[in-house]
Amino acid sequence: MRRRATLLLTVIVGIVAVATLASTISNKPIGVPDTLAKPTKPPTSLIDGASNPQRIPDRVAYSLVFTMIASHRTEPEQNRIRAYIRQMGLSDADSSALIAAAQEYALRVGVTDNQANTIIMRYHPAHPPLSSEDKNYLEKLNKQRKSIVNDVAASLSQRLSADGFVKVRQHINERVKRKTKITSDEELE
């Protein structure tokens, strides 16, 4: 009986030692599947525009402003957004041009967002992971979205007066970027 207990204890200690050695060699915890043990992406970090506004991409800042302006549809909301725009020091003509640019952005981006949402809704948590075709299509839509914001932002130099354009750029750099926080993944995109 004692012999069996000693043999069993020796076998258990040996198994634990081999498992520990294998874990040390593979750099993953015991019992953790490879897919969980090896991260596919480096950990993301938060970029705070208050301390690093230069790291917030223009595309992100313009997208936030355009979305905010275009989302105000009722008359009271439009009055509030015009008050916000007046804080930038824009003339009435420049304010109207900025609102028109934001509405164009919203219309163009709305098409890509609807297509992306249609795909994403098919992959409710109970459904299988995204197919490679859908992943590729979502990446394509994301590139289109970025292109749209860049196009509309670039068009501001012709839609606004020279003074208005400078004031919008100043607002983006000094206010919007400083109040924005993103992950390092968003910065790289």
N, C-alpha and C. Protein backbone atom coordinates (compact mmCIF):
# COMPACT_ATOMS: atom_id res chain seq x y z
N MET A 1 0.82 -1.19 0.00
CA MET A 1 0.00 0.00 0.00
C MET A 1 0.88 1.27 0.00
N ARG A 2 1.87 1.26 0.88
CA ARG A 2 2.78 2.41 0.94
C ARG A 2 3.53 2.57 -0.37
N ARG A 3 3.89 1.47 -0.94
CA ARG A 3 4.62 1.49 -2.19
C ARG A 3 3.78 2.12 -3.31
N ARG A 4 2.50 1.79 -3.36
CA ARG A 4 1.59 2.36 -4.35
C ARG A 4 1.44 3.86 -4.16
N ALA A 5 1.28 4.28 -2.94
CA ALA A 5 1.12 5.71 -2.64
C ALA A 5 2.38 6.46 -3.03
N THR A 6 3.54 5.91 -2.74
CA THR A 6 4.80 6.55 -3.10
C THR A 6 4.95 6.63 -4.61
N LEU A 7 4.62 5.52 -5.30
CA LEU A 7 4.69 5.48 -6.76
C LEU A 7 3.73 6.51 -7.37
N LEU A 8 2.51 6.56 -6.85
CA LEU A 8 1.51 7.50 -7.35
C LEU A 8 1.97 8.95 -7.12
N LEU A 9 2.51 9.23 -5.95
CA LEU A 9 3.00 10.57 -5.65
C LEU A 9 4.16 10.94 -6.57
N THR A 10 5.05 9.99 -6.85
CA THR A 10 6.17 10.23 -7.75
C THR A 10 5.67 10.55 -9.16
N VAL A 11 4.69 9.80 -9.63
CA VAL A 11 4.12 10.03 -10.97
C VAL A 11 3.47 11.42 -11.03
N ILE A 12 2.73 11.79 -10.00
CA ILE A 12 2.06 13.10 -9.99
C ILE A 12 3.09 14.23 -9.99
N VAL A 13 4.13 14.11 -9.17
CA VAL A 13 5.18 15.12 -9.12
C VAL A 13 5.87 15.22 -10.49
N GLY A 14 6.10 14.07 -11.13
CA GLY A 14 6.73 14.05 -12.45
C GLY A 14 5.87 14.75 -13.49
N ILE A 15 4.57 14.50 -13.48
CA ILE A 15 3.65 15.13 -14.43
C ILE A 15 3.64 16.65 -14.23
N VAL A 16 3.58 17.08 -12.97
CA VAL A 16 3.58 18.52 -12.67
C VAL A 16 4.90 19.14 -13.13
N ALA A 17 6.01 18.45 -12.90
CA ALA A 17 7.32 18.98 -13.30
C ALA A 17 7.41 19.12 -14.82
N VAL A 18 6.95 18.12 -15.56
CA VAL A 18 6.97 18.17 -17.02
C VAL A 18 6.06 19.29 -17.53
N ALA A 19 4.88 19.41 -16.95
CA ALA A 19 3.95 20.46 -17.37
C ALA A 19 4.52 21.85 -17.09
N THR A 20 5.16 22.00 -15.93
CA THR A 20 5.77 23.28 -15.58
C THR A 20 6.91 23.62 -16.53
N LEU A 21 7.74 22.62 -16.84
CA LEU A 21 8.85 22.83 -17.77
C LEU A 21 8.32 23.20 -19.15
N ALA A 22 7.30 22.48 -19.61
CA ALA A 22 6.72 22.78 -20.92
C ALA A 22 6.12 24.18 -20.95
N SER A 23 5.50 24.58 -19.85
CA SER A 23 4.92 25.92 -19.76
C SER A 23 6.00 26.98 -19.81
N THR A 24 7.10 26.75 -19.13
CA THR A 24 8.20 27.71 -19.11
C THR A 24 8.80 27.85 -20.50
N ILE A 25 8.96 26.73 -21.19
CA ILE A 25 9.54 26.75 -22.53
C ILE A 25 8.63 27.47 -23.51
N SER A 26 7.33 27.22 -23.43
CA SER A 26 6.39 27.81 -24.39
C SER A 26 5.92 29.21 -23.98
N ASN A 27 6.29 29.65 -22.78
CA ASN A 27 5.89 30.96 -22.26
C ASN A 27 4.39 31.14 -22.18
N LYS A 28 3.67 30.08 -21.90
CA LYS A 28 2.24 30.22 -21.70
C LYS A 28 1.83 29.47 -20.45
N PRO A 29 0.81 29.95 -19.76
CA PRO A 29 0.38 29.28 -18.55
C PRO A 29 -0.16 27.89 -18.83
N ILE A 30 -0.05 27.04 -17.85
CA ILE A 30 -0.55 25.67 -17.97
C ILE A 30 -2.06 25.71 -18.15
N GLY A 31 -2.54 24.93 -19.09
CA GLY A 31 -3.97 24.79 -19.31
C GLY A 31 -4.62 25.91 -20.11
N VAL A 32 -3.85 26.87 -20.58
CA VAL A 32 -4.41 27.97 -21.37
C VAL A 32 -4.23 27.63 -22.84
N PRO A 33 -5.30 27.64 -23.62
CA PRO A 33 -5.18 27.34 -25.05
C PRO A 33 -4.25 28.32 -25.74
N ASP A 34 -3.58 27.88 -26.81
CA ASP A 34 -2.65 28.74 -27.53
C ASP A 34 -3.29 30.04 -27.99
N THR A 35 -4.56 29.98 -28.40
CA THR A 35 -5.21 31.19 -28.91
C THR A 35 -5.36 32.25 -27.83
N LEU A 36 -5.42 31.82 -26.56
CA LEU A 36 -5.53 32.80 -25.48
C LEU A 36 -4.17 33.21 -24.95
N ALA A 37 -3.20 32.31 -25.05
CA ALA A 37 -1.89 32.58 -24.47
C ALA A 37 -1.07 33.54 -25.31
N LYS A 38 -1.25 33.54 -26.61
CA LYS A 38 -0.46 34.39 -27.50
C LYS A 38 -1.33 35.49 -28.07
N PRO A 39 -1.18 36.70 -27.57
CA PRO A 39 -2.00 37.78 -28.11
C PRO A 39 -1.66 38.04 -29.57
N THR A 40 -2.70 38.31 -30.35
CA THR A 40 -2.49 38.57 -31.77
C THR A 40 -2.11 40.01 -32.03
N LYS A 41 -2.46 40.92 -31.12
CA LYS A 41 -2.15 42.33 -31.28
C LYS A 41 -1.44 42.81 -30.03
N PRO A 42 -0.58 43.79 -30.18
CA PRO A 42 0.03 44.35 -28.97
C PRO A 42 -1.04 45.06 -28.15
N PRO A 43 -0.85 45.13 -26.85
CA PRO A 43 -1.86 45.80 -26.03
C PRO A 43 -1.99 47.26 -26.45
N THR A 44 -3.23 47.76 -26.40
CA THR A 44 -3.46 49.13 -26.80
C THR A 44 -3.27 50.06 -25.60
N SER A 45 -2.91 51.27 -25.90
CA SER A 45 -2.79 52.26 -24.84
C SER A 45 -3.68 53.44 -25.19
N LEU A 46 -4.01 54.21 -24.19
CA LEU A 46 -4.89 55.35 -24.36
C LEU A 46 -4.05 56.58 -24.71
N ILE A 47 -4.47 57.30 -25.72
CA ILE A 47 -3.82 58.55 -26.09
C ILE A 47 -4.77 59.66 -25.67
N ASP A 48 -4.30 60.49 -24.77
CA ASP A 48 -5.10 61.58 -24.25
C ASP A 48 -4.71 62.87 -24.97
N GLY A 49 -5.65 63.43 -25.72
CA GLY A 49 -5.39 64.64 -26.47
C GLY A 49 -5.06 65.83 -25.59
N ALA A 50 -5.44 65.79 -24.32
CA ALA A 50 -5.11 66.89 -23.42
C ALA A 50 -3.60 67.04 -23.27
N SER A 51 -2.90 65.91 -23.27
CA SER A 51 -1.44 65.97 -23.12
C SER A 51 -0.70 65.74 -24.44
N ASN A 52 -1.35 65.09 -25.41
CA ASN A 52 -0.71 64.81 -26.71
C ASN A 52 -1.66 65.10 -27.87
N PRO A 53 -2.08 66.35 -28.06
CA PRO A 53 -3.04 66.63 -29.14
C PRO A 53 -2.49 66.31 -30.52
N GLN A 54 -1.19 66.40 -30.70
CA GLN A 54 -0.59 66.11 -32.00
C GLN A 54 -0.73 64.64 -32.39
N ARG A 55 -1.00 63.76 -31.43
CA ARG A 55 -1.16 62.33 -31.74
C ARG A 55 -2.59 61.97 -32.12
N ILE A 56 -3.52 62.91 -32.00
CA ILE A 56 -4.90 62.68 -32.43
C ILE A 56 -4.95 63.03 -33.91
N PRO A 57 -5.26 62.04 -34.77
CA PRO A 57 -5.29 62.33 -36.21
C PRO A 57 -6.37 63.35 -36.57
N ASP A 58 -6.08 64.20 -37.56
CA ASP A 58 -7.06 65.17 -38.05
C ASP A 58 -8.36 64.45 -38.42
N ARG A 59 -8.22 63.30 -39.07
CA ARG A 59 -9.38 62.53 -39.52
C ARG A 59 -10.34 62.24 -38.36
N VAL A 60 -9.80 61.88 -37.21
CA VAL A 60 -10.63 61.57 -36.04
C VAL A 60 -11.32 62.84 -35.54
N ALA A 61 -10.57 63.93 -35.44
CA ALA A 61 -11.14 65.18 -34.93
C ALA A 61 -12.23 65.72 -35.86
N TYR A 62 -11.96 65.73 -37.17
CA TYR A 62 -12.98 66.21 -38.11
C TYR A 62 -14.21 65.32 -38.10
N SER A 63 -14.00 64.02 -38.01
CA SER A 63 -15.12 63.09 -37.97
C SER A 63 -16.02 63.38 -36.76
N LEU A 64 -15.42 63.67 -35.62
CA LEU A 64 -16.20 63.99 -34.43
C LEU A 64 -17.01 65.27 -34.62
N VAL A 65 -16.37 66.30 -35.17
CA VAL A 65 -17.06 67.58 -35.37
C VAL A 65 -18.18 67.43 -36.40
N PHE A 66 -17.88 66.79 -37.53
CA PHE A 66 -18.91 66.61 -38.56
C PHE A 66 -20.10 65.82 -38.03
N THR A 67 -19.81 64.76 -37.30
CA THR A 67 -20.89 63.92 -36.75
C THR A 67 -21.74 64.71 -35.77
N MET A 68 -21.08 65.48 -34.91
CA MET A 68 -21.81 66.27 -33.92
C MET A 68 -22.70 67.31 -34.62
N ILE A 69 -22.16 68.00 -35.59
CA ILE A 69 -22.93 69.04 -36.28
C ILE A 69 -24.11 68.43 -37.04
N ALA A 70 -23.86 67.36 -37.77
CA ALA A 70 -24.91 66.77 -38.61
C ALA A 70 -25.99 66.07 -37.80
N SER A 71 -25.69 65.68 -36.58
CA SER A 71 -26.68 64.94 -35.79
C SER A 71 -27.75 65.85 -35.19
N HIS A 72 -27.58 67.13 -35.26
CA HIS A 72 -28.56 68.08 -34.73
C HIS A 72 -29.58 68.41 -35.81
N ARG A 73 -30.78 67.85 -35.67
CA ARG A 73 -31.77 67.96 -36.75
C ARG A 73 -32.96 68.84 -36.42
N THR A 74 -33.40 68.82 -35.18
CA THR A 74 -34.57 69.64 -34.83
C THR A 74 -34.14 71.10 -34.75
N GLU A 75 -35.12 71.99 -34.78
CA GLU A 75 -34.81 73.41 -34.75
C GLU A 75 -34.06 73.82 -33.48
N PRO A 76 -34.50 73.37 -32.29
CA PRO A 76 -33.74 73.72 -31.08
C PRO A 76 -32.30 73.18 -31.12
N GLU A 77 -32.14 71.96 -31.64
CA GLU A 77 -30.79 71.39 -31.76
C GLU A 77 -29.94 72.19 -32.73
N GLN A 78 -30.55 72.61 -33.85
CA GLN A 78 -29.81 73.40 -34.83
C GLN A 78 -29.40 74.75 -34.25
N ASN A 79 -30.25 75.32 -33.41
CA ASN A 79 -29.89 76.59 -32.75
C ASN A 79 -28.70 76.38 -31.82
N ARG A 80 -28.69 75.25 -31.10
CA ARG A 80 -27.56 74.96 -30.21
C ARG A 80 -26.28 74.75 -31.00
N ILE A 81 -26.37 74.06 -32.13
CA ILE A 81 -25.16 73.80 -32.91
C ILE A 81 -24.65 75.09 -33.54
N ARG A 82 -25.56 75.98 -33.93
CA ARG A 82 -25.13 77.27 -34.47
C ARG A 82 -24.43 78.09 -33.38
N ALA A 83 -24.90 77.98 -32.14
CA ALA A 83 -24.23 78.67 -31.03
C ALA A 83 -22.82 78.09 -30.82
N TYR A 84 -22.71 76.78 -30.94
CA TYR A 84 -21.40 76.13 -30.82
C TYR A 84 -20.47 76.63 -31.93
N ILE A 85 -20.98 76.71 -33.15
CA ILE A 85 -20.18 77.15 -34.28
C ILE A 85 -19.79 78.62 -34.13
N ARG A 86 -20.69 79.43 -33.56
CA ARG A 86 -20.38 80.84 -33.33
C ARG A 86 -19.19 81.00 -32.38
N GLN A 87 -19.01 80.03 -31.47
CA GLN A 87 -17.86 80.07 -30.55
C GLN A 87 -16.53 79.99 -31.31
N MET A 88 -16.59 79.41 -32.50
CA MET A 88 -15.38 79.34 -33.33
C MET A 88 -15.06 80.70 -33.94
N GLY A 89 -16.05 81.59 -33.94
CA GLY A 89 -15.85 82.92 -34.52
C GLY A 89 -16.14 82.96 -36.00
N LEU A 90 -16.95 82.02 -36.50
CA LEU A 90 -17.26 81.98 -37.93
C LEU A 90 -18.39 82.94 -38.29
N SER A 91 -18.32 83.44 -39.50
CA SER A 91 -19.41 84.28 -40.03
C SER A 91 -20.60 83.39 -40.30
N ASP A 92 -21.76 84.01 -40.58
CA ASP A 92 -22.95 83.23 -40.91
C ASP A 92 -22.73 82.39 -42.17
N ALA A 93 -22.07 82.96 -43.17
CA ALA A 93 -21.81 82.23 -44.41
C ALA A 93 -20.90 81.02 -44.15
N ASP A 94 -19.85 81.23 -43.35
CA ASP A 94 -18.94 80.11 -43.03
C ASP A 94 -19.64 79.07 -42.17
N SER A 95 -20.50 79.52 -41.26
CA SER A 95 -21.26 78.58 -40.43
C SER A 95 -22.14 77.69 -41.30
N SER A 96 -22.83 78.31 -42.25
CA SER A 96 -23.70 77.54 -43.15
C SER A 96 -22.88 76.57 -44.01
N ALA A 97 -21.71 77.00 -44.45
CA ALA A 97 -20.85 76.13 -45.27
C ALA A 97 -20.33 74.95 -44.44
N LEU A 98 -19.99 75.20 -43.18
CA LEU A 98 -19.53 74.11 -42.31
C LEU A 98 -20.65 73.11 -42.05
N ILE A 99 -21.85 73.62 -41.83
CA ILE A 99 -23.01 72.74 -41.62
C ILE A 99 -23.27 71.91 -42.87
N ALA A 100 -23.19 72.53 -44.04
CA ALA A 100 -23.39 71.80 -45.31
C ALA A 100 -22.33 70.71 -45.47
N ALA A 101 -21.09 71.01 -45.12
CA ALA A 101 -20.02 70.00 -45.22
C ALA A 101 -20.30 68.84 -44.27
N ALA A 102 -20.74 69.16 -43.06
CA ALA A 102 -21.05 68.12 -42.08
C ALA A 102 -22.21 67.24 -42.56
N GLN A 103 -23.21 67.86 -43.17
CA GLN A 103 -24.35 67.09 -43.69
C GLN A 103 -23.92 66.21 -44.86
N GLU A 104 -23.05 66.71 -45.72
CA GLU A 104 -22.53 65.89 -46.81
C GLU A 104 -21.76 64.69 -46.24
N TYR A 105 -20.93 64.96 -45.25
CA TYR A 105 -20.18 63.88 -44.59
C TYR A 105 -21.14 62.82 -44.04
N ALA A 106 -22.17 63.27 -43.33
CA ALA A 106 -23.12 62.34 -42.72
C ALA A 106 -23.83 61.49 -43.78
N LEU A 107 -24.22 62.10 -44.88
CA LEU A 107 -24.89 61.35 -45.96
C LEU A 107 -23.95 60.30 -46.57
N ARG A 108 -22.73 60.71 -46.87
CA ARG A 108 -21.79 59.80 -47.52
C ARG A 108 -21.35 58.68 -46.58
N VAL A 109 -21.08 59.03 -45.33
CA VAL A 109 -20.64 58.02 -44.37
C VAL A 109 -21.80 57.11 -43.98
N GLY A 110 -23.01 57.66 -44.00
CA GLY A 110 -24.19 56.86 -43.65
C GLY A 110 -24.32 55.63 -44.53
N VAL A 111 -23.97 55.75 -45.80
CA VAL A 111 -24.05 54.62 -46.73
C VAL A 111 -23.08 53.52 -46.30
N THR A 112 -21.83 53.90 -46.02
CA THR A 112 -20.84 52.88 -45.62
C THR A 112 -21.19 52.30 -44.25
N ASP A 113 -21.65 53.15 -43.34
CA ASP A 113 -22.02 52.65 -42.00
C ASP A 113 -23.18 51.68 -42.06
N ASN A 114 -24.17 51.96 -42.90
CA ASN A 114 -25.30 51.03 -43.04
C ASN A 114 -24.85 49.68 -43.59
N GLN A 115 -23.96 49.72 -44.57
CA GLN A 115 -23.44 48.46 -45.12
C GLN A 115 -22.66 47.69 -44.06
N ALA A 116 -21.85 48.39 -43.29
CA ALA A 116 -21.07 47.74 -42.23
C ALA A 116 -21.99 47.18 -41.16
N ASN A 117 -23.00 47.93 -40.76
CA ASN A 117 -23.93 47.45 -39.74
C ASN A 117 -24.69 46.22 -40.20
N THR A 118 -25.04 46.17 -41.48
CA THR A 118 -25.72 44.99 -42.02
C THR A 118 -24.85 43.75 -41.85
N ILE A 119 -23.59 43.88 -42.14
CA ILE A 119 -22.67 42.74 -41.99
C ILE A 119 -22.51 42.38 -40.52
N ILE A 120 -22.28 43.37 -39.68
CA ILE A 120 -22.03 43.11 -38.27
C ILE A 120 -23.24 42.47 -37.60
N MET A 121 -24.44 42.89 -37.98
CA MET A 121 -25.65 42.33 -37.37
C MET A 121 -25.82 40.84 -37.67
N ARG A 122 -25.24 40.39 -38.77
CA ARG A 122 -25.30 38.96 -39.08
C ARG A 122 -24.47 38.14 -38.11
N TYR A 123 -23.53 38.80 -37.45
CA TYR A 123 -22.62 38.10 -36.56
C TYR A 123 -22.91 38.41 -35.11
N HIS A 124 -24.18 38.32 -34.78
CA HIS A 124 -24.60 38.44 -33.39
C HIS A 124 -23.77 37.44 -32.57
N PRO A 125 -23.56 37.68 -31.29
CA PRO A 125 -22.71 36.77 -30.51
C PRO A 125 -23.05 35.28 -30.64
N ALA A 126 -24.27 34.95 -30.97
CA ALA A 126 -24.64 33.54 -31.11
C ALA A 126 -24.23 32.96 -32.46
N HIS A 127 -23.77 33.81 -33.38
CA HIS A 127 -23.41 33.35 -34.71
C HIS A 127 -21.91 33.14 -34.83
N PRO A 128 -21.47 32.53 -35.92
CA PRO A 128 -20.04 32.24 -36.10
C PRO A 128 -19.21 33.51 -36.30
N PRO A 129 -17.88 33.38 -36.20
CA PRO A 129 -17.01 34.54 -36.40
C PRO A 129 -17.13 35.09 -37.83
N LEU A 130 -16.67 36.31 -38.01
CA LEU A 130 -16.72 36.94 -39.33
C LEU A 130 -15.97 36.09 -40.36
N SER A 131 -16.56 35.97 -41.52
CA SER A 131 -15.87 35.28 -42.61
C SER A 131 -14.76 36.18 -43.13
N SER A 132 -13.80 35.60 -43.81
CA SER A 132 -12.70 36.42 -44.35
C SER A 132 -13.22 37.41 -45.40
N GLU A 133 -14.24 37.00 -46.15
CA GLU A 133 -14.84 37.91 -47.14
C GLU A 133 -15.44 39.14 -46.45
N ASP A 134 -16.19 38.88 -45.36
CA ASP A 134 -16.81 39.99 -44.64
C ASP A 134 -15.77 40.87 -43.96
N LYS A 135 -14.72 40.26 -43.41
CA LYS A 135 -13.64 41.05 -42.81
C LYS A 135 -13.02 41.97 -43.85
N ASN A 136 -12.74 41.42 -45.03
CA ASN A 136 -12.15 42.22 -46.10
C ASN A 136 -13.07 43.35 -46.53
N TYR A 137 -14.37 43.04 -46.62
CA TYR A 137 -15.34 44.06 -47.03
C TYR A 137 -15.44 45.16 -45.96
N LEU A 138 -15.42 44.78 -44.67
CA LEU A 138 -15.46 45.77 -43.61
C LEU A 138 -14.21 46.66 -43.64
N GLU A 139 -13.07 46.09 -43.95
CA GLU A 139 -11.85 46.88 -44.08
C GLU A 139 -11.97 47.87 -45.24
N LYS A 140 -12.56 47.40 -46.33
CA LYS A 140 -12.78 48.27 -47.49
C LYS A 140 -13.72 49.43 -47.12
N LEU A 141 -14.78 49.12 -46.40
CA LEU A 141 -15.72 50.15 -45.97
C LEU A 141 -15.04 51.15 -45.03
N ASN A 142 -14.18 50.65 -44.15
CA ASN A 142 -13.46 51.52 -43.23
C ASN A 142 -12.53 52.47 -44.00
N LYS A 143 -11.88 51.96 -45.03
CA LYS A 143 -11.02 52.82 -45.87
C LYS A 143 -11.86 53.88 -46.58
N GLN A 144 -13.05 53.47 -47.05
CA GLN A 144 -13.93 54.44 -47.70
C GLN A 144 -14.35 55.53 -46.72
N ARG A 145 -14.65 55.12 -45.50
CA ARG A 145 -15.06 56.07 -44.46
C ARG A 145 -13.95 57.09 -44.20
N LYS A 146 -12.72 56.60 -44.09
CA LYS A 146 -11.58 57.49 -43.87
C LYS A 146 -11.39 58.44 -45.04
N SER A 147 -11.57 57.92 -46.23
CA SER A 147 -11.43 58.74 -47.43
C SER A 147 -12.49 59.84 -47.46
N ILE A 148 -13.70 59.49 -47.05
CA ILE A 148 -14.79 60.48 -47.03
C ILE A 148 -14.47 61.63 -46.08
N VAL A 149 -14.05 61.30 -44.86
CA VAL A 149 -13.75 62.37 -43.89
C VAL A 149 -12.59 63.21 -44.39
N ASN A 150 -11.58 62.58 -44.97
CA ASN A 150 -10.45 63.34 -45.51
C ASN A 150 -10.89 64.26 -46.65
N ASP A 151 -11.75 63.75 -47.54
CA ASP A 151 -12.24 64.55 -48.67
C ASP A 151 -13.05 65.76 -48.20
N VAL A 152 -13.97 65.52 -47.29
CA VAL A 152 -14.83 66.61 -46.81
C VAL A 152 -14.01 67.63 -46.03
N ALA A 153 -13.07 67.16 -45.21
CA ALA A 153 -12.22 68.09 -44.45
C ALA A 153 -11.37 68.92 -45.41
N ALA A 154 -10.83 68.28 -46.45
CA ALA A 154 -10.02 69.02 -47.43
C ALA A 154 -10.85 70.03 -48.19
N SER A 155 -12.13 69.73 -48.39
CA SER A 155 -12.99 70.65 -49.15
C SER A 155 -13.29 71.94 -48.38
N LEU A 156 -13.04 71.93 -47.07
CA LEU A 156 -13.34 73.12 -46.27
C LEU A 156 -12.52 74.33 -46.72
N SER A 157 -11.33 74.09 -47.24
CA SER A 157 -10.50 75.22 -47.67
C SER A 157 -11.15 75.98 -48.82
N GLN A 158 -12.04 75.32 -49.56
CA GLN A 158 -12.73 75.99 -50.66
C GLN A 158 -14.15 76.40 -50.30
N ARG A 159 -14.72 75.74 -49.31
CA ARG A 159 -16.09 76.07 -48.90
C ARG A 159 -16.13 77.30 -47.99
N LEU A 160 -15.08 77.46 -47.19
CA LEU A 160 -15.04 78.54 -46.20
C LEU A 160 -14.16 79.68 -46.68
N SER A 161 -14.36 80.82 -46.08
CA SER A 161 -13.44 81.93 -46.34
C SER A 161 -12.07 81.54 -45.75
N ALA A 162 -11.04 82.27 -46.17
CA ALA A 162 -9.69 81.97 -45.65
C ALA A 162 -9.67 82.11 -44.13
N ASP A 163 -10.31 83.16 -43.61
CA ASP A 163 -10.37 83.38 -42.17
C ASP A 163 -11.17 82.26 -41.49
N GLY A 164 -12.28 81.88 -42.10
CA GLY A 164 -13.11 80.81 -41.54
C GLY A 164 -12.37 79.48 -41.49
N PHE A 165 -11.62 79.20 -42.54
CA PHE A 165 -10.85 77.95 -42.59
C PHE A 165 -9.80 77.93 -41.47
N VAL A 166 -9.11 79.05 -41.28
CA VAL A 166 -8.10 79.13 -40.21
C VAL A 166 -8.76 78.92 -38.85
N LYS A 167 -9.93 79.50 -38.65
CA LYS A 167 -10.62 79.37 -37.36
C LYS A 167 -11.08 77.93 -37.11
N VAL A 168 -11.54 77.26 -38.14
CA VAL A 168 -11.95 75.87 -37.97
C VAL A 168 -10.73 75.01 -37.64
N ARG A 169 -9.63 75.21 -38.37
CA ARG A 169 -8.39 74.45 -38.08
C ARG A 169 -7.93 74.70 -36.65
N GLN A 170 -8.00 75.95 -36.23
CA GLN A 170 -7.59 76.31 -34.87
C GLN A 170 -8.49 75.61 -33.85
N HIS A 171 -9.79 75.59 -34.11
CA HIS A 171 -10.74 74.93 -33.22
C HIS A 171 -10.44 73.43 -33.15
N ILE A 172 -10.17 72.81 -34.29
CA ILE A 172 -9.85 71.38 -34.32
C ILE A 172 -8.60 71.11 -33.47
N ASN A 173 -7.55 71.90 -33.69
CA ASN A 173 -6.28 71.65 -33.01
C ASN A 173 -6.28 72.02 -31.53
N GLU A 174 -6.93 73.14 -31.19
CA GLU A 174 -6.84 73.63 -29.83
C GLU A 174 -7.96 73.16 -28.92
N ARG A 175 -9.07 72.78 -29.50
CA ARG A 175 -10.19 72.38 -28.64
C ARG A 175 -10.58 70.91 -28.83
N VAL A 176 -10.86 70.52 -30.07
CA VAL A 176 -11.37 69.17 -30.30
C VAL A 176 -10.32 68.11 -29.97
N LYS A 177 -9.13 68.27 -30.51
CA LYS A 177 -8.08 67.28 -30.26
C LYS A 177 -7.74 67.20 -28.77
N ARG A 178 -7.76 68.33 -28.09
CA ARG A 178 -7.42 68.36 -26.66
C ARG A 178 -8.49 67.71 -25.79
N LYS A 179 -9.69 67.56 -26.30
CA LYS A 179 -10.77 66.94 -25.54
C LYS A 179 -11.05 65.51 -26.01
N THR A 180 -10.17 64.98 -26.86
CA THR A 180 -10.37 63.66 -27.43
C THR A 180 -9.41 62.66 -26.84
N LYS A 181 -9.92 61.45 -26.61
CA LYS A 181 -9.09 60.34 -26.16
C LYS A 181 -9.34 59.18 -27.12
N ILE A 182 -8.26 58.56 -27.57
CA ILE A 182 -8.39 57.41 -28.47
C ILE A 182 -7.42 56.32 -28.00
N THR A 183 -7.60 55.13 -28.54
CA THR A 183 -6.63 54.08 -28.29
C THR A 183 -5.54 54.16 -29.35
N SER A 184 -4.40 53.59 -29.04
CA SER A 184 -3.28 53.65 -30.01
C SER A 184 -3.65 52.94 -31.30
N ASP A 185 -4.58 51.98 -31.26
CA ASP A 185 -5.05 51.32 -32.49
C ASP A 185 -5.67 52.31 -33.44
N GLU A 186 -6.46 53.24 -32.92
CA GLU A 186 -7.13 54.24 -33.76
C GLU A 186 -6.12 55.18 -34.41
N GLU A 187 -5.05 55.46 -33.70
CA GLU A 187 -4.02 56.35 -34.22
C GLU A 187 -3.35 55.72 -35.44
N LEU A 188 -3.15 54.41 -35.40
CA LEU A 188 -2.45 53.72 -36.47
C LEU A 188 -3.31 53.52 -37.71
N GLU A 189 -4.61 53.53 -37.55
CA GLU A 189 -5.50 53.25 -38.69
C GLU A 189 -5.44 54.34 -39.71
